[in-house]
Amino acid sequence: MGWGILIVWGIIAIIVGFVLISMDVIRERGVQPTRALEEEKPTVKGGGVIMIGPVPIAFGSDTRYLVIALVLTIVLMLLALVFIFIYH
């Protein structure tokens, strides 16, 4: 089996995926949401930390999740330091 047949199958898979996604988008446009879905609005809470060098930038939708993200960041930084000192 050469590379040519793999390339053809890859292109066919991409085209089939594009067609399936397009059909689903077209089908979903005709569906009207019910009142039950409009009234229920789920709340999503979370937090995260972005490390730029030694400077943490913390964000969160709730103070509790912000603190959890910062504590996990400190734990992971300490764990990384332990592994650096052990295996260096």
PDB file of N, CA and C in Angstrom:
ATOM      1  N   MET A   1       0.852  -1.173   0.000  1.00  0.00           N
ATOM      2  CA  MET A   1       0.000   0.000   0.000  1.00  0.00           C
ATOM      3  C   MET A   1       0.895   1.233   0.000  1.00  0.00           C
ATOM      4  N   GLY A   2       0.725   2.059  -1.007  1.00  0.00           N
ATOM      5  CA  GLY A   2       1.562   3.236  -1.122  1.00  0.00           C
ATOM      6  C   GLY A   2       0.948   4.445  -0.431  1.00  0.00           C
ATOM      7  N   TRP A   3       1.703   5.528  -0.482  1.00  0.00           N
ATOM      8  CA  TRP A   3       1.255   6.773   0.125  1.00  0.00           C
ATOM      9  C   TRP A   3       0.051   7.359  -0.588  1.00  0.00           C
ATOM     10  N   GLY A   4      -0.051   7.113  -1.869  1.00  0.00           N
ATOM     11  CA  GLY A   4      -1.135   7.682  -2.665  1.00  0.00           C
ATOM     12  C   GLY A   4      -2.515   7.285  -2.157  1.00  0.00           C
ATOM     13  N   ILE A   5      -2.693   6.008  -1.818  1.00  0.00           N
ATOM     14  CA  ILE A   5      -3.998   5.535  -1.355  1.00  0.00           C
ATOM     15  C   ILE A   5      -4.327   6.125   0.022  1.00  0.00           C
ATOM     16  N   LEU A   6      -3.303   6.311   0.859  1.00  0.00           N
ATOM     17  CA  LEU A   6      -3.543   6.917   2.169  1.00  0.00           C
ATOM     18  C   LEU A   6      -3.960   8.379   2.036  1.00  0.00           C
ATOM     19  N   ILE A   7      -3.360   9.074   1.102  1.00  0.00           N
ATOM     20  CA  ILE A   7      -3.725  10.472   0.864  1.00  0.00           C
ATOM     21  C   ILE A   7      -5.163  10.559   0.356  1.00  0.00           C
ATOM     22  N   VAL A   8      -5.539   9.676  -0.559  1.00  0.00           N
ATOM     23  CA  VAL A   8      -6.906   9.664  -1.086  1.00  0.00           C
ATOM     24  C   VAL A   8      -7.905   9.384   0.027  1.00  0.00           C
ATOM     25  N   TRP A   9      -7.618   8.386   0.881  1.00  0.00           N
ATOM     26  CA  TRP A   9      -8.529   8.070   1.987  1.00  0.00           C
ATOM     27  C   TRP A   9      -8.612   9.222   2.983  1.00  0.00           C
ATOM     28  N   GLY A  10      -7.524   9.918   3.206  1.00  0.00           N
ATOM     29  CA  GLY A  10      -7.539  11.078   4.087  1.00  0.00           C
ATOM     30  C   GLY A  10      -8.409  12.196   3.548  1.00  0.00           C
ATOM     31  N   ILE A  11      -8.300  12.451   2.259  1.00  0.00           N
ATOM     32  CA  ILE A  11      -9.122  13.488   1.623  1.00  0.00           C
ATOM     33  C   ILE A  11     -10.587  13.092   1.660  1.00  0.00           C
ATOM     34  N   ILE A  12     -10.880  11.826   1.419  1.00  0.00           N
ATOM     35  CA  ILE A  12     -12.272  11.350   1.488  1.00  0.00           C
ATOM     36  C   ILE A  12     -12.814  11.524   2.907  1.00  0.00           C
ATOM     37  N   ALA A  13     -12.027  11.200   3.929  1.00  0.00           N
ATOM     38  CA  ALA A  13     -12.473  11.347   5.313  1.00  0.00           C
ATOM     39  C   ALA A  13     -12.765  12.806   5.640  1.00  0.00           C
ATOM     40  N   ILE A  14     -11.935  13.722   5.177  1.00  0.00           N
ATOM     41  CA  ILE A  14     -12.157  15.152   5.403  1.00  0.00           C
ATOM     42  C   ILE A  14     -13.436  15.606   4.727  1.00  0.00           C
ATOM     43  N   ILE A  15     -13.657  15.180   3.481  1.00  0.00           N
ATOM     44  CA  ILE A  15     -14.862  15.588   2.750  1.00  0.00           C
ATOM     45  C   ILE A  15     -16.111  15.028   3.415  1.00  0.00           C
ATOM     46  N   VAL A  16     -16.073  13.751   3.834  1.00  0.00           N
ATOM     47  CA  VAL A  16     -17.232  13.145   4.504  1.00  0.00           C
ATOM     48  C   VAL A  16     -17.520  13.881   5.817  1.00  0.00           C
ATOM     49  N   GLY A  17     -16.496  14.201   6.581  1.00  0.00           N
ATOM     50  CA  GLY A  17     -16.678  14.945   7.819  1.00  0.00           C
ATOM     51  C   GLY A  17     -17.284  16.312   7.577  1.00  0.00           C
ATOM     52  N   PHE A  18     -16.806  17.015   6.569  1.00  0.00           N
ATOM     53  CA  PHE A  18     -17.349  18.332   6.226  1.00  0.00           C
ATOM     54  C   PHE A  18     -18.814  18.230   5.829  1.00  0.00           C
ATOM     55  N   VAL A  19     -19.166  17.219   5.042  1.00  0.00           N
ATOM     56  CA  VAL A  19     -20.550  17.044   4.613  1.00  0.00           C
ATOM     57  C   VAL A  19     -21.448  16.730   5.805  1.00  0.00           C
ATOM     58  N   LEU A  20     -20.996  15.844   6.712  1.00  0.00           N
ATOM     59  CA  LEU A  20     -21.802  15.497   7.881  1.00  0.00           C
ATOM     60  C   LEU A  20     -22.029  16.694   8.789  1.00  0.00           C
ATOM     61  N   ILE A  21     -20.993  17.483   9.022  1.00  0.00           N
ATOM     62  CA  ILE A  21     -21.136  18.678   9.856  1.00  0.00           C
ATOM     63  C   ILE A  21     -22.060  19.681   9.191  1.00  0.00           C
ATOM     64  N   SER A  22     -21.934  19.866   7.885  1.00  0.00           N
ATOM     65  CA  SER A  22     -22.800  20.800   7.164  1.00  0.00           C
ATOM     66  C   SER A  22     -24.260  20.357   7.236  1.00  0.00           C
ATOM     67  N   MET A  23     -24.511  19.052   7.093  1.00  0.00           N
ATOM     68  CA  MET A  23     -25.885  18.552   7.172  1.00  0.00           C
ATOM     69  C   MET A  23     -26.468  18.780   8.562  1.00  0.00           C
ATOM     70  N   ASP A  24     -25.657  18.608   9.608  1.00  0.00           N
ATOM     71  CA  ASP A  24     -26.145  18.806  10.967  1.00  0.00           C
ATOM     72  C   ASP A  24     -26.451  20.280  11.225  1.00  0.00           C
ATOM     73  N   VAL A  25     -25.617  21.170  10.734  1.00  0.00           N
ATOM     74  CA  VAL A  25     -25.867  22.607  10.915  1.00  0.00           C
ATOM     75  C   VAL A  25     -27.142  23.016  10.197  1.00  0.00           C
ATOM     76  N   ILE A  26     -27.353  22.516   8.995  1.00  0.00           N
ATOM     77  CA  ILE A  26     -28.563  22.852   8.237  1.00  0.00           C
ATOM     78  C   ILE A  26     -29.791  22.292   8.938  1.00  0.00           C
ATOM     79  N   ARG A  27     -29.702  21.090   9.471  1.00  0.00           N
ATOM     80  CA  ARG A  27     -30.833  20.469  10.161  1.00  0.00           C
ATOM     81  C   ARG A  27     -31.169  21.210  11.448  1.00  0.00           C
ATOM     82  N   GLU A  28     -30.163  21.687  12.193  1.00  0.00           N
ATOM     83  CA  GLU A  28     -30.390  22.355  13.467  1.00  0.00           C
ATOM     84  C   GLU A  28     -31.022  23.734  13.300  1.00  0.00           C
ATOM     85  N   ARG A  29     -30.885  24.361  12.166  1.00  0.00           N
ATOM     86  CA  ARG A  29     -31.473  25.690  11.972  1.00  0.00           C
ATOM     87  C   ARG A  29     -32.989  25.643  11.988  1.00  0.00           C
ATOM     88  N   GLY A  30     -33.586  24.537  11.618  1.00  0.00           N
ATOM     89  CA  GLY A  30     -35.032  24.425  11.581  1.00  0.00           C
ATOM     90  C   GLY A  30     -35.645  24.102  12.930  1.00  0.00           C
ATOM     91  N   VAL A  31     -34.839  23.729  13.920  1.00  0.00           N
ATOM     92  CA  VAL A  31     -35.351  23.344  15.227  1.00  0.00           C
ATOM     93  C   VAL A  31     -35.516  24.591  16.089  1.00  0.00           C
ATOM     94  N   GLN A  32     -36.713  24.771  16.655  1.00  0.00           N
ATOM     95  CA  GLN A  32     -36.985  25.899  17.535  1.00  0.00           C
ATOM     96  C   GLN A  32     -36.804  25.462  18.980  1.00  0.00           C
ATOM     97  N   PRO A  33     -36.142  26.265  19.814  1.00  0.00           N
ATOM     98  CA  PRO A  33     -35.968  25.877  21.214  1.00  0.00           C
ATOM     99  C   PRO A  33     -37.290  25.926  21.974  1.00  0.00           C
ATOM    100  N   THR A  34     -37.431  25.038  22.925  1.00  0.00           N
ATOM    101  CA  THR A  34     -38.643  25.025  23.744  1.00  0.00           C
ATOM    102  C   THR A  34     -38.497  26.011  24.891  1.00  0.00           C
ATOM    103  N   ARG A  35     -39.630  26.306  25.543  1.00  0.00           N
ATOM    104  CA  ARG A  35     -39.594  27.246  26.667  1.00  0.00           C
ATOM    105  C   ARG A  35     -38.779  26.703  27.836  1.00  0.00           C
ATOM    106  N   ALA A  36     -38.783  25.402  28.026  1.00  0.00           N
ATOM    107  CA  ALA A  36     -38.037  24.813  29.134  1.00  0.00           C
ATOM    108  C   ALA A  36     -36.545  25.083  28.981  1.00  0.00           C
ATOM    109  N   LEU A  37     -36.052  25.024  27.758  1.00  0.00           N
ATOM    110  CA  LEU A  37     -34.633  25.286  27.534  1.00  0.00           C
ATOM    111  C   LEU A  37     -34.304  26.760  27.709  1.00  0.00           C
ATOM    112  N   GLU A  38     -35.231  27.635  27.371  1.00  0.00           N
ATOM    113  CA  GLU A  38     -34.979  29.061  27.501  1.00  0.00           C
ATOM    114  C   GLU A  38     -34.974  29.492  28.959  1.00  0.00           C
ATOM    115  N   GLU A  39     -35.801  28.873  29.804  1.00  0.00           N
ATOM    116  CA  GLU A  39     -35.897  29.268  31.196  1.00  0.00           C
ATOM    117  C   GLU A  39     -34.730  28.756  32.025  1.00  0.00           C
ATOM    118  N   GLU A  40     -34.227  27.578  31.721  1.00  0.00           N
ATOM    119  CA  GLU A  40     -33.126  27.008  32.481  1.00  0.00           C
ATOM    120  C   GLU A  40     -31.806  27.507  31.918  1.00  0.00           C
ATOM    121  N   LYS A  41     -31.075  28.226  32.746  1.00  0.00           N
ATOM    122  CA  LYS A  41     -29.758  28.684  32.331  1.00  0.00           C
ATOM    123  C   LYS A  41     -28.740  28.113  33.308  1.00  0.00           C
ATOM    124  N   PRO A  42     -27.965  27.152  32.853  1.00  0.00           N
ATOM    125  CA  PRO A  42     -26.991  26.550  33.762  1.00  0.00           C
ATOM    126  C   PRO A  42     -25.882  27.537  34.099  1.00  0.00           C
ATOM    127  N   THR A  43     -25.406  27.461  35.316  1.00  0.00           N
ATOM    128  CA  THR A  43     -24.291  28.313  35.717  1.00  0.00           C
ATOM    129  C   THR A  43     -23.013  27.498  35.665  1.00  0.00           C
ATOM    130  N   VAL A  44     -22.022  28.069  35.061  1.00  0.00           N
ATOM    131  CA  VAL A  44     -20.730  27.423  34.940  1.00  0.00           C
ATOM    132  C   VAL A  44     -19.739  28.239  35.745  1.00  0.00           C
ATOM    133  N   LYS A  45     -19.068  27.575  36.659  1.00  0.00           N
ATOM    134  CA  LYS A  45     -18.091  28.263  37.492  1.00  0.00           C
ATOM    135  C   LYS A  45     -16.750  27.596  37.314  1.00  0.00           C
ATOM    136  N   GLY A  46     -15.709  28.394  37.364  1.00  0.00           N
ATOM    137  CA  GLY A  46     -14.384  27.833  37.210  1.00  0.00           C
ATOM    138  C   GLY A  46     -13.329  28.893  37.408  1.00  0.00           C
ATOM    139  N   GLY A  47     -12.105  28.474  37.350  1.00  0.00           N
ATOM    140  CA  GLY A  47     -10.989  29.390  37.512  1.00  0.00           C
ATOM    141  C   GLY A  47      -9.750  28.803  36.881  1.00  0.00           C
ATOM    142  N   GLY A  48      -8.767  29.637  36.721  1.00  0.00           N
ATOM    143  CA  GLY A  48      -7.530  29.172  36.122  1.00  0.00           C
ATOM    144  C   GLY A  48      -6.389  30.111  36.410  1.00  0.00           C
ATOM    145  N   VAL A  49      -5.208  29.648  36.105  1.00  0.00           N
ATOM    146  CA  VAL A  49      -4.002  30.437  36.317  1.00  0.00           C
ATOM    147  C   VAL A  49      -3.126  30.303  35.081  1.00  0.00           C
ATOM    148  N   ILE A  50      -2.650  31.433  34.605  1.00  0.00           N
ATOM    149  CA  ILE A  50      -1.704  31.448  33.489  1.00  0.00           C
ATOM    150  C   ILE A  50      -0.366  31.898  34.050  1.00  0.00           C
ATOM    151  N   MET A  51       0.644  31.091  33.828  1.00  0.00           N
ATOM    152  CA  MET A  51       1.976  31.433  34.323  1.00  0.00           C
ATOM    153  C   MET A  51       2.793  32.034  33.185  1.00  0.00           C
ATOM    154  N   ILE A  52       3.220  33.262  33.370  1.00  0.00           N
ATOM    155  CA  ILE A  52       4.136  33.903  32.428  1.00  0.00           C
ATOM    156  C   ILE A  52       5.442  34.096  33.188  1.00  0.00           C
ATOM    157  N   GLY A  53       6.324  33.140  32.992  1.00  0.00           N
ATOM    158  CA  GLY A  53       7.551  33.124  33.779  1.00  0.00           C
ATOM    159  C   GLY A  53       7.196  32.865  35.228  1.00  0.00           C
ATOM    160  N   PRO A  54       7.725  33.677  36.134  1.00  0.00           N
ATOM    161  CA  PRO A  54       7.384  33.483  37.547  1.00  0.00           C
ATOM    162  C   PRO A  54       6.127  34.250  37.989  1.00  0.00           C
ATOM    163  N   VAL A  55       5.482  34.935  37.058  1.00  0.00           N
ATOM    164  CA  VAL A  55       4.333  35.778  37.405  1.00  0.00           C
ATOM    165  C   VAL A  55       3.030  35.035  37.111  1.00  0.00           C
ATOM    166  N   PRO A  56       2.221  34.765  38.156  1.00  0.00           N
ATOM    167  CA  PRO A  56       0.928  34.118  37.909  1.00  0.00           C
ATOM    168  C   PRO A  56      -0.158  35.145  37.601  1.00  0.00           C
ATOM    169  N   ILE A  57      -0.972  34.845  36.611  1.00  0.00           N
ATOM    170  CA  ILE A  57      -2.145  35.659  36.301  1.00  0.00           C
ATOM    171  C   ILE A  57      -3.347  34.763  36.568  1.00  0.00           C
ATOM    172  N   ALA A  58      -4.109  35.105  37.607  1.00  0.00           N
ATOM    173  CA  ALA A  58      -5.215  34.263  38.033  1.00  0.00           C
ATOM    174  C   ALA A  58      -6.535  34.861  37.578  1.00  0.00           C
ATOM    175  N   PHE A  59      -7.471  33.999  37.216  1.00  0.00           N
ATOM    176  CA  PHE A  59      -8.807  34.438  36.832  1.00  0.00           C
ATOM    177  C   PHE A  59      -9.807  33.397  37.292  1.00  0.00           C
ATOM    178  N   GLY A  60     -11.035  33.834  37.510  1.00  0.00           N
ATOM    179  CA  GLY A  60     -12.063  32.909  37.931  1.00  0.00           C
ATOM    180  C   GLY A  60     -13.417  33.575  37.963  1.00  0.00           C
ATOM    181  N   SER A  61     -14.458  32.757  37.888  1.00  0.00           N
ATOM    182  CA  SER A  61     -15.812  33.292  37.917  1.00  0.00           C
ATOM    183  C   SER A  61     -16.334  33.397  39.343  1.00  0.00           C
ATOM    184  N   ASP A  62     -15.617  32.835  40.297  1.00  0.00           N
ATOM    185  CA  ASP A  62     -16.030  32.841  41.682  1.00  0.00           C
ATOM    186  C   ASP A  62     -14.765  32.848  42.537  1.00  0.00           C
ATOM    187  N   THR A  63     -14.822  33.496  43.685  1.00  0.00           N
ATOM    188  CA  THR A  63     -13.644  33.583  44.552  1.00  0.00           C
ATOM    189  C   THR A  63     -13.183  32.206  45.005  1.00  0.00           C
ATOM    190  N   ARG A  64     -14.126  31.326  45.279  1.00  0.00           N
ATOM    191  CA  ARG A  64     -13.776  29.974  45.735  1.00  0.00           C
ATOM    192  C   ARG A  64     -12.936  29.247  44.695  1.00  0.00           C
ATOM    193  N   TYR A  65     -13.338  29.310  43.445  1.00  0.00           N
ATOM    194  CA  TYR A  65     -12.611  28.610  42.384  1.00  0.00           C
ATOM    195  C   TYR A  65     -11.279  29.291  42.078  1.00  0.00           C
ATOM    196  N   LEU A  66     -11.213  30.589  42.283  1.00  0.00           N
ATOM    197  CA  LEU A  66      -9.959  31.304  42.103  1.00  0.00           C
ATOM    198  C   LEU A  66      -8.936  30.844  43.142  1.00  0.00           C
ATOM    199  N   VAL A  67      -9.367  30.705  44.386  1.00  0.00           N
ATOM    200  CA  VAL A  67      -8.471  30.243  45.448  1.00  0.00           C
ATOM    201  C   VAL A  67      -8.035  28.802  45.184  1.00  0.00           C
ATOM    202  N   ILE A  68      -8.964  27.961  44.745  1.00  0.00           N
ATOM    203  CA  ILE A  68      -8.618  26.578  44.425  1.00  0.00           C
ATOM    204  C   ILE A  68      -7.570  26.529  43.312  1.00  0.00           C
ATOM    205  N   ALA A  69      -7.740  27.345  42.287  1.00  0.00           N
ATOM    206  CA  ALA A  69      -6.778  27.367  41.178  1.00  0.00           C
ATOM    207  C   ALA A  69      -5.410  27.833  41.659  1.00  0.00           C
ATOM    208  N   LEU A  70      -5.372  28.843  42.532  1.00  0.00           N
ATOM    209  CA  LEU A  70      -4.084  29.321  43.042  1.00  0.00           C
ATOM    210  C   LEU A  70      -3.403  28.276  43.922  1.00  0.00           C
ATOM    211  N   VAL A  71      -4.173  27.586  44.770  1.00  0.00           N
ATOM    212  CA  VAL A  71      -3.586  26.552  45.629  1.00  0.00           C
ATOM    213  C   VAL A  71      -3.034  25.412  44.774  1.00  0.00           C
ATOM    214  N   LEU A  72      -3.785  24.987  43.760  1.00  0.00           N
ATOM    215  CA  LEU A  72      -3.291  23.932  42.873  1.00  0.00           C
ATOM    216  C   LEU A  72      -2.037  24.361  42.130  1.00  0.00           C
ATOM    217  N   THR A  73      -1.972  25.631  41.756  1.00  0.00           N
ATOM    218  CA  THR A  73      -0.778  26.145  41.082  1.00  0.00           C
ATOM    219  C   THR A  73       0.429  26.081  42.001  1.00  0.00           C
ATOM    220  N   ILE A  74       0.256  26.483  43.260  1.00  0.00           N
ATOM    221  CA  ILE A  74       1.361  26.431  44.211  1.00  0.00           C
ATOM    222  C   ILE A  74       1.806  24.991  44.436  1.00  0.00           C
ATOM    223  N   VAL A  75       0.855  24.075  44.579  1.00  0.00           N
ATOM    224  CA  VAL A  75       1.196  22.660  44.778  1.00  0.00           C
ATOM    225  C   VAL A  75       1.964  22.119  43.570  1.00  0.00           C
ATOM    226  N   LEU A  76       1.508  22.431  42.369  1.00  0.00           N
ATOM    227  CA  LEU A  76       2.204  21.935  41.170  1.00  0.00           C
ATOM    228  C   LEU A  76       3.590  22.549  41.028  1.00  0.00           C
ATOM    229  N   MET A  77       3.742  23.820  41.395  1.00  0.00           N
ATOM    230  CA  MET A  77       5.072  24.449  41.336  1.00  0.00           C
ATOM    231  C   MET A  77       6.021  23.783  42.332  1.00  0.00           C
ATOM    232  N   LEU A  78       5.534  23.499  43.547  1.00  0.00           N
ATOM    233  CA  LEU A  78       6.373  22.826  44.534  1.00  0.00           C
ATOM    234  C   LEU A  78       6.722  21.409  44.082  1.00  0.00           C
ATOM    235  N   LEU A  79       5.765  20.710  43.491  1.00  0.00           N
ATOM    236  CA  LEU A  79       6.017  19.371  42.975  1.00  0.00           C
ATOM    237  C   LEU A  79       7.065  19.398  41.862  1.00  0.00           C
ATOM    238  N   ALA A  80       6.978  20.401  40.998  1.00  0.00           N
ATOM    239  CA  ALA A  80       7.971  20.535  39.928  1.00  0.00           C
ATOM    240  C   ALA A  80       9.355  20.794  40.509  1.00  0.00           C
ATOM    241  N   LEU A  81       9.441  21.635  41.544  1.00  0.00           N
ATOM    242  CA  LEU A  81      10.740  21.892  42.177  1.00  0.00           C
ATOM    243  C   LEU A  81      11.307  20.633  42.825  1.00  0.00           C
ATOM    244  N   VAL A  82      10.448  19.839  43.455  1.00  0.00           N
ATOM    245  CA  VAL A  82      10.905  18.593  44.059  1.00  0.00           C
ATOM    246  C   VAL A  82      11.475  17.663  42.992  1.00  0.00           C
ATOM    247  N   PHE A  83      10.780  17.520  41.881  1.00  0.00           N
ATOM    248  CA  PHE A  83      11.275  16.652  40.801  1.00  0.00           C
ATOM    249  C   PHE A  83      12.563  17.192  40.186  1.00  0.00           C
ATOM    250  N   ILE A  84      12.671  18.501  40.098  1.00  0.00           N
ATOM    251  CA  ILE A  84      13.915  19.084  39.556  1.00  0.00           C
ATOM    252  C   ILE A  84      15.084  18.755  40.462  1.00  0.00           C
ATOM    253  N   PHE A  85      14.891  18.897  41.790  1.00  0.00           N
ATOM    254  CA  PHE A  85      15.993  18.631  42.716  1.00  0.00           C
ATOM    255  C   PHE A  85      16.300  17.151  42.825  1.00  0.00           C
ATOM    256  N   ILE A  86      15.291  16.297  42.690  1.00  0.00           N
ATOM    257  CA  ILE A  86      15.523  14.849  42.793  1.00  0.00           C
ATOM    258  C   ILE A  86      16.255  14.320  41.563  1.00  0.00           C
ATOM    259  N   TYR A  87      15.814  14.702  40.378  1.00  0.00           N
ATOM    260  CA  TYR A  87      16.352  14.116  39.148  1.00  0.00           C
ATOM    261  C   TYR A  87      17.419  14.960  38.469  1.00  0.00           C
ATOM    262  N   HIS A  88      17.890  15.996  39.112  1.00  0.00           N
ATOM    263  CA  HIS A  88      18.923  16.816  38.489  1.00  0.00           C
ATOM    264  C   HIS A  88      20.277  16.401  38.932  1.00  0.00           C
TER     265      HIS A  88
END
